[in-house]
Amino acid sequence: MANSTMSLEAGDYESMAESAKAASDLLRALAHEARLMILCMLVEGEKSVSELEAFLDMRQPTVSQQLARLRADRLVKTRREGKTIYYSLASENAQKVVDLLYDLYCRNNAECP
């Protein structure tokens, strides 16, 4: 009986496993509503913590906690200007996924920014 399953080389499997880990890390970050909202805001360009607070109607500790998690996951990066820290997307893949989610859920929704 012929085996109809694909056979993977050891290197292919390792590469696939690394990609699956990266994808699941991104999806885990996106699965939290506050982090998803922050990433959606950052698609438009860099924002300060106070700008994110005001738009998202969240308290500063909540925003900072979620930004720390996104930074640890290497999805956002920072730039300091005086006392203000600006956040922006650091991941092209995150940008693409958030763009897709925006297209699917917000494109024709008047309540979305």
PDB file of N, CA and C in Angstrom:
ATOM      1  N   MET A   1       0.840  -1.170   0.000  1.00  0.00           N
ATOM      2  CA  MET A   1       0.000   0.000   0.000  1.00  0.00           C
ATOM      3  C   MET A   1       0.890   1.239   0.000  1.00  0.00           C
ATOM      4  N   ALA A   2       0.624   2.149  -0.900  1.00  0.00           N
ATOM      5  CA  ALA A   2       1.445   3.349  -1.027  1.00  0.00           C
ATOM      6  C   ALA A   2       1.110   4.332   0.090  1.00  0.00           C
ATOM      7  N   ASN A   3       2.153   4.997   0.586  1.00  0.00           N
ATOM      8  CA  ASN A   3       1.966   6.006   1.624  1.00  0.00           C
ATOM      9  C   ASN A   3       1.659   7.336   0.957  1.00  0.00           C
ATOM     10  N   SER A   4       0.469   7.883   1.205  1.00  0.00           N
ATOM     11  CA  SER A   4       0.063   9.117   0.534  1.00  0.00           C
ATOM     12  C   SER A   4       0.426  10.367   1.330  1.00  0.00           C
ATOM     13  N   THR A   5       0.988  10.203   2.525  1.00  0.00           N
ATOM     14  CA  THR A   5       1.362  11.382   3.311  1.00  0.00           C
ATOM     15  C   THR A   5       2.684  11.941   2.832  1.00  0.00           C
ATOM     16  N   MET A   6       2.830  13.241   3.017  1.00  0.00           N
ATOM     17  CA  MET A   6       4.069  13.907   2.640  1.00  0.00           C
ATOM     18  C   MET A   6       5.153  13.548   3.630  1.00  0.00           C
ATOM     19  N   SER A   7       6.349  13.322   3.135  1.00  0.00           N
ATOM     20  CA  SER A   7       7.448  13.078   4.053  1.00  0.00           C
ATOM     21  C   SER A   7       8.263  14.355   4.172  1.00  0.00           C
ATOM     22  N   LEU A   8       8.566  14.720   5.393  1.00  0.00           N
ATOM     23  CA  LEU A   8       9.332  15.934   5.649  1.00  0.00           C
ATOM     24  C   LEU A   8      10.761  15.574   6.003  1.00  0.00           C
ATOM     25  N   GLU A   9      11.669  16.309   5.445  1.00  0.00           N
ATOM     26  CA  GLU A   9      13.068  16.180   5.833  1.00  0.00           C
ATOM     27  C   GLU A   9      13.218  16.774   7.228  1.00  0.00           C
ATOM     28  N   ALA A  10      14.266  16.388   7.944  1.00  0.00           N
ATOM     29  CA  ALA A  10      14.480  16.897   9.301  1.00  0.00           C
ATOM     30  C   ALA A  10      14.549  18.423   9.311  1.00  0.00           C
ATOM     31  N   GLY A  11      15.251  19.013   8.369  1.00  0.00           N
ATOM     32  CA  GLY A  11      15.370  20.473   8.299  1.00  0.00           C
ATOM     33  C   GLY A  11      14.040  21.136   8.012  1.00  0.00           C
ATOM     34  N   ASP A  12      13.213  20.498   7.167  1.00  0.00           N
ATOM     35  CA  ASP A  12      11.890  21.041   6.864  1.00  0.00           C
ATOM     36  C   ASP A  12      11.018  21.056   8.113  1.00  0.00           C
ATOM     37  N   TYR A  13      11.089  19.972   8.880  1.00  0.00           N
ATOM     38  CA  TYR A  13      10.287  19.891  10.098  1.00  0.00           C
ATOM     39  C   TYR A  13      10.703  20.971  11.086  1.00  0.00           C
ATOM     40  N   GLU A  14      12.013  21.141  11.273  1.00  0.00           N
ATOM     41  CA  GLU A  14      12.501  22.152  12.214  1.00  0.00           C
ATOM     42  C   GLU A  14      12.071  23.547  11.786  1.00  0.00           C
ATOM     43  N   SER A  15      12.155  23.818  10.497  1.00  0.00           N
ATOM     44  CA  SER A  15      11.742  25.120   9.976  1.00  0.00           C
ATOM     45  C   SER A  15      10.242  25.323  10.183  1.00  0.00           C
ATOM     46  N   MET A  16       9.464  24.275   9.922  1.00  0.00           N
ATOM     47  CA  MET A  16       8.017  24.358  10.102  1.00  0.00           C
ATOM     48  C   MET A  16       7.677  24.567  11.578  1.00  0.00           C
ATOM     49  N   ALA A  17       8.386  23.884  12.466  1.00  0.00           N
ATOM     50  CA  ALA A  17       8.141  24.020  13.903  1.00  0.00           C
ATOM     51  C   ALA A  17       8.459  25.438  14.374  1.00  0.00           C
ATOM     52  N   GLU A  18       9.540  26.019  13.873  1.00  0.00           N
ATOM     53  CA  GLU A  18       9.891  27.398  14.235  1.00  0.00           C
ATOM     54  C   GLU A  18       8.826  28.375  13.742  1.00  0.00           C
ATOM     55  N   SER A  19       8.360  28.163  12.524  1.00  0.00           N
ATOM     56  CA  SER A  19       7.314  29.030  11.971  1.00  0.00           C
ATOM     57  C   SER A  19       6.014  28.890  12.749  1.00  0.00           C
ATOM     58  N   ALA A  20       5.674  27.661  13.128  1.00  0.00           N
ATOM     59  CA  ALA A  20       4.452  27.425  13.906  1.00  0.00           C
ATOM     60  C   ALA A  20       4.547  28.103  15.267  1.00  0.00           C
ATOM     61  N   LYS A  21       5.716  28.067  15.883  1.00  0.00           N
ATOM     62  CA  LYS A  21       5.909  28.732  17.186  1.00  0.00           C
ATOM     63  C   LYS A  21       5.739  30.234  17.032  1.00  0.00           C
ATOM     64  N   ALA A  22       6.352  30.813  16.003  1.00  0.00           N
ATOM     65  CA  ALA A  22       6.233  32.258  15.773  1.00  0.00           C
ATOM     66  C   ALA A  22       4.775  32.645  15.520  1.00  0.00           C
ATOM     67  N   ALA A  23       4.075  31.848  14.722  1.00  0.00           N
ATOM     68  CA  ALA A  23       2.666  32.136  14.424  1.00  0.00           C
ATOM     69  C   ALA A  23       1.807  32.022  15.678  1.00  0.00           C
ATOM     70  N   SER A  24       2.035  30.989  16.490  1.00  0.00           N
ATOM     71  CA  SER A  24       1.220  30.828  17.698  1.00  0.00           C
ATOM     72  C   SER A  24       1.519  31.930  18.711  1.00  0.00           C
ATOM     73  N   ASP A  25       2.771  32.399  18.778  1.00  0.00           N
ATOM     74  CA  ASP A  25       3.101  33.525  19.661  1.00  0.00           C
ATOM     75  C   ASP A  25       2.352  34.784  19.231  1.00  0.00           C
ATOM     76  N   LEU A  26       2.317  35.040  17.930  1.00  0.00           N
ATOM     77  CA  LEU A  26       1.604  36.210  17.411  1.00  0.00           C
ATOM     78  C   LEU A  26       0.108  36.086  17.701  1.00  0.00           C
ATOM     79  N   LEU A  27      -0.458  34.925  17.438  1.00  0.00           N
ATOM     80  CA  LEU A  27      -1.893  34.729  17.666  1.00  0.00           C
ATOM     81  C   LEU A  27      -2.246  34.821  19.147  1.00  0.00           C
ATOM     82  N   ARG A  28      -1.345  34.358  20.009  1.00  0.00           N
ATOM     83  CA  ARG A  28      -1.577  34.461  21.452  1.00  0.00           C
ATOM     84  C   ARG A  28      -1.633  35.934  21.870  1.00  0.00           C
ATOM     85  N   ALA A  29      -0.734  36.745  21.321  1.00  0.00           N
ATOM     86  CA  ALA A  29      -0.737  38.182  21.628  1.00  0.00           C
ATOM     87  C   ALA A  29      -2.011  38.838  21.116  1.00  0.00           C
ATOM     88  N   LEU A  30      -2.461  38.440  19.940  1.00  0.00           N
ATOM     89  CA  LEU A  30      -3.663  39.021  19.342  1.00  0.00           C
ATOM     90  C   LEU A  30      -4.944  38.558  20.027  1.00  0.00           C
ATOM     91  N   ALA A  31      -4.870  37.456  20.763  1.00  0.00           N
ATOM     92  CA  ALA A  31      -6.062  36.891  21.397  1.00  0.00           C
ATOM     93  C   ALA A  31      -6.531  37.701  22.602  1.00  0.00           C
ATOM     94  N   HIS A  32      -5.736  38.650  23.048  1.00  0.00           N
ATOM     95  CA  HIS A  32      -6.120  39.508  24.171  1.00  0.00           C
ATOM     96  C   HIS A  32      -6.682  40.809  23.610  1.00  0.00           C
ATOM     97  N   GLU A  33      -7.903  41.148  23.992  1.00  0.00           N
ATOM     98  CA  GLU A  33      -8.602  42.290  23.395  1.00  0.00           C
ATOM     99  C   GLU A  33      -7.823  43.602  23.513  1.00  0.00           C
ATOM    100  N   ALA A  34      -7.251  43.874  24.680  1.00  0.00           N
ATOM    101  CA  ALA A  34      -6.512  45.136  24.861  1.00  0.00           C
ATOM    102  C   ALA A  34      -5.278  45.178  23.967  1.00  0.00           C
ATOM    103  N   ARG A  35      -4.560  44.057  23.878  1.00  0.00           N
ATOM    104  CA  ARG A  35      -3.367  44.033  23.014  1.00  0.00           C
ATOM    105  C   ARG A  35      -3.756  44.181  21.551  1.00  0.00           C
ATOM    106  N   LEU A  36      -4.845  43.553  21.150  1.00  0.00           N
ATOM    107  CA  LEU A  36      -5.305  43.682  19.768  1.00  0.00           C
ATOM    108  C   LEU A  36      -5.670  45.133  19.464  1.00  0.00           C
ATOM    109  N   MET A  37      -6.363  45.781  20.381  1.00  0.00           N
ATOM    110  CA  MET A  37      -6.725  47.186  20.186  1.00  0.00           C
ATOM    111  C   MET A  37      -5.480  48.063  20.067  1.00  0.00           C
ATOM    112  N   ILE A  38      -4.488  47.805  20.901  1.00  0.00           N
ATOM    113  CA  ILE A  38      -3.241  48.579  20.837  1.00  0.00           C
ATOM    114  C   ILE A  38      -2.573  48.377  19.492  1.00  0.00           C
ATOM    115  N   LEU A  39      -2.474  47.136  19.041  1.00  0.00           N
ATOM    116  CA  LEU A  39      -1.845  46.865  17.746  1.00  0.00           C
ATOM    117  C   LEU A  39      -2.622  47.522  16.612  1.00  0.00           C
ATOM    118  N   CYS A  40      -3.944  47.508  16.701  1.00  0.00           N
ATOM    119  CA  CYS A  40      -4.758  48.177  15.674  1.00  0.00           C
ATOM    120  C   CYS A  40      -4.447  49.670  15.621  1.00  0.00           C
ATOM    121  N   MET A  41      -4.274  50.289  16.779  1.00  0.00           N
ATOM    122  CA  MET A  41      -3.931  51.715  16.820  1.00  0.00           C
ATOM    123  C   MET A  41      -2.546  51.967  16.228  1.00  0.00           C
ATOM    124  N   LEU A  42      -1.619  51.054  16.480  1.00  0.00           N
ATOM    125  CA  LEU A  42      -0.246  51.251  16.023  1.00  0.00           C
ATOM    126  C   LEU A  42      -0.082  50.998  14.532  1.00  0.00           C
ATOM    127  N   VAL A  43      -1.060  50.353  13.900  1.00  0.00           N
ATOM    128  CA  VAL A  43      -1.016  50.175  12.448  1.00  0.00           C
ATOM    129  C   VAL A  43      -0.991  51.539  11.770  1.00  0.00           C
ATOM    130  N   GLU A  44      -1.666  52.519  12.382  1.00  0.00           N
ATOM    131  CA  GLU A  44      -1.734  53.871  11.817  1.00  0.00           C
ATOM    132  C   GLU A  44      -0.438  54.647  11.994  1.00  0.00           C
ATOM    133  N   GLY A  45       0.465  54.160  12.837  1.00  0.00           N
ATOM    134  CA  GLY A  45       1.723  54.850  13.102  1.00  0.00           C
ATOM    135  C   GLY A  45       2.003  54.882  14.590  1.00  0.00           C
ATOM    136  N   GLU A  46       3.169  55.404  14.940  1.00  0.00           N
ATOM    137  CA  GLU A  46       3.568  55.382  16.346  1.00  0.00           C
ATOM    138  C   GLU A  46       2.658  56.252  17.205  1.00  0.00           C
ATOM    139  N   LYS A  47       2.515  55.811  18.454  1.00  0.00           N
ATOM    140  CA  LYS A  47       1.667  56.504  19.418  1.00  0.00           C
ATOM    141  C   LYS A  47       2.360  56.495  20.778  1.00  0.00           C
ATOM    142  N   SER A  48       2.093  57.525  21.575  1.00  0.00           N
ATOM    143  CA  SER A  48       2.584  57.557  22.950  1.00  0.00           C
ATOM    144  C   SER A  48       1.595  56.801  23.838  1.00  0.00           C
ATOM    145  N   VAL A  49       2.039  56.473  25.040  1.00  0.00           N
ATOM    146  CA  VAL A  49       1.154  55.791  25.987  1.00  0.00           C
ATOM    147  C   VAL A  49      -0.078  56.649  26.258  1.00  0.00           C
ATOM    148  N   SER A  50       0.111  57.956  26.422  1.00  0.00           N
ATOM    149  CA  SER A  50      -1.042  58.823  26.718  1.00  0.00           C
ATOM    150  C   SER A  50      -2.024  58.874  25.551  1.00  0.00           C
ATOM    151  N   GLU A  51      -1.532  58.826  24.319  1.00  0.00           N
ATOM    152  CA  GLU A  51      -2.436  58.787  23.159  1.00  0.00           C
ATOM    153  C   GLU A  51      -3.237  57.490  23.151  1.00  0.00           C
ATOM    154  N   LEU A  52      -2.566  56.383  23.449  1.00  0.00           N
ATOM    155  CA  LEU A  52      -3.254  55.088  23.497  1.00  0.00           C
ATOM    156  C   LEU A  52      -4.284  55.074  24.620  1.00  0.00           C
ATOM    157  N   GLU A  53      -3.898  55.580  25.794  1.00  0.00           N
ATOM    158  CA  GLU A  53      -4.823  55.663  26.933  1.00  0.00           C
ATOM    159  C   GLU A  53      -6.099  56.405  26.560  1.00  0.00           C
ATOM    160  N   ALA A  54      -5.923  57.578  25.976  1.00  0.00           N
ATOM    161  CA  ALA A  54      -7.067  58.437  25.658  1.00  0.00           C
ATOM    162  C   ALA A  54      -7.994  57.782  24.646  1.00  0.00           C
ATOM    163  N   PHE A  55      -7.428  57.231  23.591  1.00  0.00           N
ATOM    164  CA  PHE A  55      -8.274  56.651  22.553  1.00  0.00           C
ATOM    165  C   PHE A  55      -8.957  55.378  23.029  1.00  0.00           C
ATOM    166  N   LEU A  56      -8.211  54.534  23.730  1.00  0.00           N
ATOM    167  CA  LEU A  56      -8.739  53.232  24.135  1.00  0.00           C
ATOM    168  C   LEU A  56      -9.549  53.299  25.428  1.00  0.00           C
ATOM    169  N   ASP A  57      -9.544  54.451  26.088  1.00  0.00           N
ATOM    170  CA  ASP A  57     -10.248  54.629  27.352  1.00  0.00           C
ATOM    171  C   ASP A  57      -9.817  53.573  28.368  1.00  0.00           C
ATOM    172  N   MET A  58      -8.483  53.419  28.476  1.00  0.00           N
ATOM    173  CA  MET A  58      -7.896  52.485  29.437  1.00  0.00           C
ATOM    174  C   MET A  58      -6.989  53.267  30.374  1.00  0.00           C
ATOM    175  N   ARG A  59      -6.804  52.752  31.557  1.00  0.00           N
ATOM    176  CA  ARG A  59      -5.906  53.388  32.517  1.00  0.00           C
ATOM    177  C   ARG A  59      -4.461  53.125  32.121  1.00  0.00           C
ATOM    178  N   GLN A  60      -3.591  54.043  32.518  1.00  0.00           N
ATOM    179  CA  GLN A  60      -2.177  53.956  32.154  1.00  0.00           C
ATOM    180  C   GLN A  60      -1.528  52.636  32.576  1.00  0.00           C
ATOM    181  N   PRO A  61      -1.764  52.128  33.794  1.00  0.00           N
ATOM    182  CA  PRO A  61      -1.134  50.854  34.162  1.00  0.00           C
ATOM    183  C   PRO A  61      -1.542  49.694  33.244  1.00  0.00           C
ATOM    184  N   THR A  62      -2.797  49.681  32.823  1.00  0.00           N
ATOM    185  CA  THR A  62      -3.277  48.628  31.918  1.00  0.00           C
ATOM    186  C   THR A  62      -2.587  48.721  30.571  1.00  0.00           C
ATOM    187  N   VAL A  63      -2.522  49.927  30.021  1.00  0.00           N
ATOM    188  CA  VAL A  63      -1.870  50.130  28.723  1.00  0.00           C
ATOM    189  C   VAL A  63      -0.398  49.751  28.822  1.00  0.00           C
ATOM    190  N   SER A  64       0.276  50.213  29.876  1.00  0.00           N
ATOM    191  CA  SER A  64       1.703  49.921  30.038  1.00  0.00           C
ATOM    192  C   SER A  64       1.967  48.430  30.196  1.00  0.00           C
ATOM    193  N   GLN A  65       1.099  47.745  30.929  1.00  0.00           N
ATOM    194  CA  GLN A  65       1.254  46.300  31.117  1.00  0.00           C
ATOM    195  C   GLN A  65       1.137  45.566  29.780  1.00  0.00           C
ATOM    196  N   GLN A  66       0.160  45.942  28.983  1.00  0.00           N
ATOM    197  CA  GLN A  66      -0.034  45.278  27.692  1.00  0.00           C
ATOM    198  C   GLN A  66       1.086  45.635  26.711  1.00  0.00           C
ATOM    199  N   LEU A  67       1.558  46.874  26.758  1.00  0.00           N
ATOM    200  CA  LEU A  67       2.690  47.261  25.907  1.00  0.00           C
ATOM    201  C   LEU A  67       3.948  46.487  26.292  1.00  0.00           C
ATOM    202  N   ALA A  68       4.144  46.255  27.585  1.00  0.00           N
ATOM    203  CA  ALA A  68       5.300  45.474  28.036  1.00  0.00           C
ATOM    204  C   ALA A  68       5.232  44.057  27.481  1.00  0.00           C
ATOM    205  N   ARG A  69       4.055  43.478  27.488  1.00  0.00           N
ATOM    206  CA  ARG A  69       3.885  42.126  26.940  1.00  0.00           C
ATOM    207  C   ARG A  69       4.163  42.117  25.437  1.00  0.00           C
ATOM    208  N   LEU A  70       3.632  43.111  24.720  1.00  0.00           N
ATOM    209  CA  LEU A  70       3.864  43.197  23.275  1.00  0.00           C
ATOM    210  C   LEU A  70       5.338  43.429  22.967  1.00  0.00           C
ATOM    211  N   ARG A  71       5.989  44.190  23.819  1.00  0.00           N
ATOM    212  CA  ARG A  71       7.427  44.436  23.632  1.00  0.00           C
ATOM    213  C   ARG A  71       8.220  43.152  23.882  1.00  0.00           C
ATOM    214  N   ALA A  72       7.853  42.407  24.924  1.00  0.00           N
ATOM    215  CA  ALA A  72       8.518  41.133  25.220  1.00  0.00           C
ATOM    216  C   ALA A  72       8.338  40.144  24.072  1.00  0.00           C
ATOM    217  N   ASP A  73       7.188  40.213  23.409  1.00  0.00           N
ATOM    218  CA  ASP A  73       6.921  39.348  22.254  1.00  0.00           C
ATOM    219  C   ASP A  73       7.522  39.909  20.965  1.00  0.00           C
ATOM    220  N   ARG A  74       8.214  41.032  21.076  1.00  0.00           N
ATOM    221  CA  ARG A  74       8.875  41.705  19.946  1.00  0.00           C
ATOM    222  C   ARG A  74       7.897  42.131  18.851  1.00  0.00           C
ATOM    223  N   LEU A  75       6.706  42.510  19.270  1.00  0.00           N
ATOM    224  CA  LEU A  75       5.710  42.984  18.310  1.00  0.00           C
ATOM    225  C   LEU A  75       5.687  44.504  18.221  1.00  0.00           C
ATOM    226  N   VAL A  76       6.187  45.168  19.270  1.00  0.00           N
ATOM    227  CA  VAL A  76       6.295  46.627  19.239  1.00  0.00           C
ATOM    228  C   VAL A  76       7.716  47.033  19.604  1.00  0.00           C
ATOM    229  N   LYS A  77       8.080  48.226  19.152  1.00  0.00           N
ATOM    230  CA  LYS A  77       9.377  48.807  19.509  1.00  0.00           C
ATOM    231  C   LYS A  77       9.123  50.212  20.037  1.00  0.00           C
ATOM    232  N   THR A  78      10.133  50.776  20.682  1.00  0.00           N
ATOM    233  CA  THR A  78       9.976  52.088  21.300  1.00  0.00           C
ATOM    234  C   THR A  78      10.971  53.093  20.741  1.00  0.00           C
ATOM    235  N   ARG A  79      10.578  54.360  20.895  1.00  0.00           N
ATOM    236  CA  ARG A  79      11.450  55.486  20.567  1.00  0.00           C
ATOM    237  C   ARG A  79      11.184  56.534  21.629  1.00  0.00           C
ATOM    238  N   ARG A  80      12.256  57.040  22.229  1.00  0.00           N
ATOM    239  CA  ARG A  80      12.107  58.046  23.284  1.00  0.00           C
ATOM    240  C   ARG A  80      12.373  59.428  22.710  1.00  0.00           C
ATOM    241  N   GLU A  81      11.495  60.355  23.095  1.00  0.00           N
ATOM    242  CA  GLU A  81      11.678  61.762  22.743  1.00  0.00           C
ATOM    243  C   GLU A  81      11.435  62.563  24.017  1.00  0.00           C
ATOM    244  N   GLY A  82      12.512  63.001  24.654  1.00  0.00           N
ATOM    245  CA  GLY A  82      12.384  63.657  25.955  1.00  0.00           C
ATOM    246  C   GLY A  82      11.851  62.672  26.973  1.00  0.00           C
ATOM    247  N   LYS A  83      10.753  63.032  27.630  1.00  0.00           N
ATOM    248  CA  LYS A  83      10.149  62.144  28.626  1.00  0.00           C
ATOM    249  C   LYS A  83       9.104  61.214  28.021  1.00  0.00           C
ATOM    250  N   THR A  84       8.799  61.418  26.754  1.00  0.00           N
ATOM    251  CA  THR A  84       7.735  60.642  26.113  1.00  0.00           C
ATOM    252  C   THR A  84       8.314  59.446  25.371  1.00  0.00           C
ATOM    253  N   ILE A  85       7.688  58.300  25.560  1.00  0.00           N
ATOM    254  CA  ILE A  85       8.072  57.090  24.831  1.00  0.00           C
ATOM    255  C   ILE A  85       6.991  56.810  23.800  1.00  0.00           C
ATOM    256  N   TYR A  86       7.421  56.641  22.568  1.00  0.00           N
ATOM    257  CA  TYR A  86       6.507  56.336  21.472  1.00  0.00           C
ATOM    258  C   TYR A  86       6.649  54.865  21.113  1.00  0.00           C
ATOM    259  N   TYR A  87       5.516  54.234  20.845  1.00  0.00           N
ATOM    260  CA  TYR A  87       5.480  52.826  20.457  1.00  0.00           C
ATOM    261  C   TYR A  87       5.062  52.714  19.002  1.00  0.00           C
ATOM    262  N   SER A  88       5.648  51.733  18.324  1.00  0.00           N
ATOM    263  CA  SER A  88       5.258  51.443  16.943  1.00  0.00           C
ATOM    264  C   SER A  88       5.384  49.943  16.721  1.00  0.00           C
ATOM    265  N   LEU A  89       4.780  49.475  15.643  1.00  0.00           N
ATOM    266  CA  LEU A  89       4.863  48.050  15.322  1.00  0.00           C
ATOM    267  C   LEU A  89       6.293  47.696  14.941  1.00  0.00           C
ATOM    268  N   ALA A  90       6.746  46.562  15.434  1.00  0.00           N
ATOM    269  CA  ALA A  90       8.095  46.103  15.130  1.00  0.00           C
ATOM    270  C   ALA A  90       8.072  44.893  14.211  1.00  0.00           C
ATOM    271  N   SER A  91       6.895  44.367  13.970  1.00  0.00           N
ATOM    272  CA  SER A  91       6.757  43.123  13.223  1.00  0.00           C
ATOM    273  C   SER A  91       5.932  43.337  11.960  1.00  0.00           C
ATOM    274  N   GLU A  92       6.532  43.031  10.827  1.00  0.00           N
ATOM    275  CA  GLU A  92       5.802  43.118   9.558  1.00  0.00           C
ATOM    276  C   GLU A  92       4.657  42.111   9.529  1.00  0.00           C
ATOM    277  N   ASN A  93       4.883  40.942  10.117  1.00  0.00           N
ATOM    278  CA  ASN A  93       3.823  39.930  10.153  1.00  0.00           C
ATOM    279  C   ASN A  93       2.634  40.411  10.984  1.00  0.00           C
ATOM    280  N   ALA A  94       2.908  41.060  12.112  1.00  0.00           N
ATOM    281  CA  ALA A  94       1.814  41.607  12.923  1.00  0.00           C
ATOM    282  C   ALA A  94       1.053  42.652  12.126  1.00  0.00           C
ATOM    283  N   GLN A  95       1.769  43.479  11.396  1.00  0.00           N
ATOM    284  CA  GLN A  95       1.136  44.509  10.558  1.00  0.00           C
ATOM    285  C   GLN A  95       0.181  43.855   9.558  1.00  0.00           C
ATOM    286  N   LYS A  96       0.634  42.800   8.897  1.00  0.00           N
ATOM    287  CA  LYS A  96      -0.193  42.126   7.892  1.00  0.00           C
ATOM    288  C   LYS A  96      -1.436  41.494   8.516  1.00  0.00           C
ATOM    289  N   VAL A  97      -1.265  40.832   9.657  1.00  0.00           N
ATOM    290  CA  VAL A  97      -2.399  40.167  10.305  1.00  0.00           C
ATOM    291  C   VAL A  97      -3.408  41.194  10.808  1.00  0.00           C
ATOM    292  N   VAL A  98      -2.934  42.272  11.417  1.00  0.00           N
ATOM    293  CA  VAL A  98      -3.847  43.304  11.915  1.00  0.00           C
ATOM    294  C   VAL A  98      -4.554  43.988  10.745  1.00  0.00           C
ATOM    295  N   ASP A  99      -3.836  44.221   9.649  1.00  0.00           N
ATOM    296  CA  ASP A  99      -4.475  44.775   8.447  1.00  0.00           C
ATOM    297  C   ASP A  99      -5.604  43.865   7.963  1.00  0.00           C
ATOM    298  N   LEU A 100      -5.344  42.553   7.945  1.00  0.00           N
ATOM    299  CA  LEU A 100      -6.362  41.595   7.516  1.00  0.00           C
ATOM    300  C   LEU A 100      -7.566  41.627   8.454  1.00  0.00           C
ATOM    301  N   LEU A 101      -7.318  41.637   9.763  1.00  0.00           N
ATOM    302  CA  LEU A 101      -8.415  41.703  10.728  1.00  0.00           C
ATOM    303  C   LEU A 101      -9.217  42.988  10.555  1.00  0.00           C
ATOM    304  N   TYR A 102      -8.529  44.086  10.289  1.00  0.00           N
ATOM    305  CA  TYR A 102      -9.227  45.354  10.053  1.00  0.00           C
ATOM    306  C   TYR A 102     -10.131  45.234   8.830  1.00  0.00           C
ATOM    307  N   ASP A 103      -9.584  44.655   7.752  1.00  0.00           N
ATOM    308  CA  ASP A 103     -10.386  44.472   6.537  1.00  0.00           C
ATOM    309  C   ASP A 103     -11.620  43.610   6.802  1.00  0.00           C
ATOM    310  N   LEU A 104     -11.456  42.552   7.581  1.00  0.00           N
ATOM    311  CA  LEU A 104     -12.558  41.633   7.847  1.00  0.00           C
ATOM    312  C   LEU A 104     -13.610  42.206   8.793  1.00  0.00           C
ATOM    313  N   TYR A 105     -13.182  42.951   9.811  1.00  0.00           N
ATOM    314  CA  TYR A 105     -14.106  43.352  10.867  1.00  0.00           C
ATOM    315  C   TYR A 105     -14.423  44.842  10.934  1.00  0.00           C
ATOM    316  N   CYS A 106     -13.610  45.681  10.330  1.00  0.00           N
ATOM    317  CA  CYS A 106     -13.808  47.128  10.513  1.00  0.00           C
ATOM    318  C   CYS A 106     -13.992  47.913   9.224  1.00  0.00           C
ATOM    319  N   ARG A 107     -13.656  47.360   8.118  1.00  0.00           N
ATOM    320  CA  ARG A 107     -13.652  48.126   6.867  1.00  0.00           C
ATOM    321  C   ARG A 107     -14.963  48.884   6.657  1.00  0.00           C
ATOM    322  N   ASN A 108     -16.086  48.242   6.853  1.00  0.00           N
ATOM    323  CA  ASN A 108     -17.381  48.889   6.615  1.00  0.00           C
ATOM    324  C   ASN A 108     -18.143  49.168   7.906  1.00  0.00           C
ATOM    325  N   ASN A 109     -17.421  49.260   9.003  1.00  0.00           N
ATOM    326  CA  ASN A 109     -18.040  49.491  10.304  1.00  0.00           C
ATOM    327  C   ASN A 109     -17.776  50.935  10.722  1.00  0.00           C
ATOM    328  N   ALA A 110     -18.818  51.724  10.825  1.00  0.00           N
ATOM    329  CA  ALA A 110     -18.675  53.148  11.162  1.00  0.00           C
ATOM    330  C   ALA A 110     -18.095  53.357  12.557  1.00  0.00           C
ATOM    331  N   GLU A 111     -18.173  52.350  13.424  1.00  0.00           N
ATOM    332  CA  GLU A 111     -17.657  52.491  14.785  1.00  0.00           C
ATOM    333  C   GLU A 111     -16.153  52.306  14.870  1.00  0.00           C
ATOM    334  N   CYS A 112     -15.534  51.751  13.844  1.00  0.00           N
ATOM    335  CA  CYS A 112     -14.086  51.552  13.851  1.00  0.00           C
ATOM    336  C   CYS A 112     -13.398  52.830  13.394  1.00  0.00           C
ATOM    337  N   PRO A 113     -12.189  53.067  13.917  1.00  0.00           N
ATOM    338  CA  PRO A 113     -11.464  54.282  13.509  1.00  0.00           C
ATOM    339  C   PRO A 113     -11.017  54.218  12.066  1.00  0.00           C
TER     340      PRO A 113
END
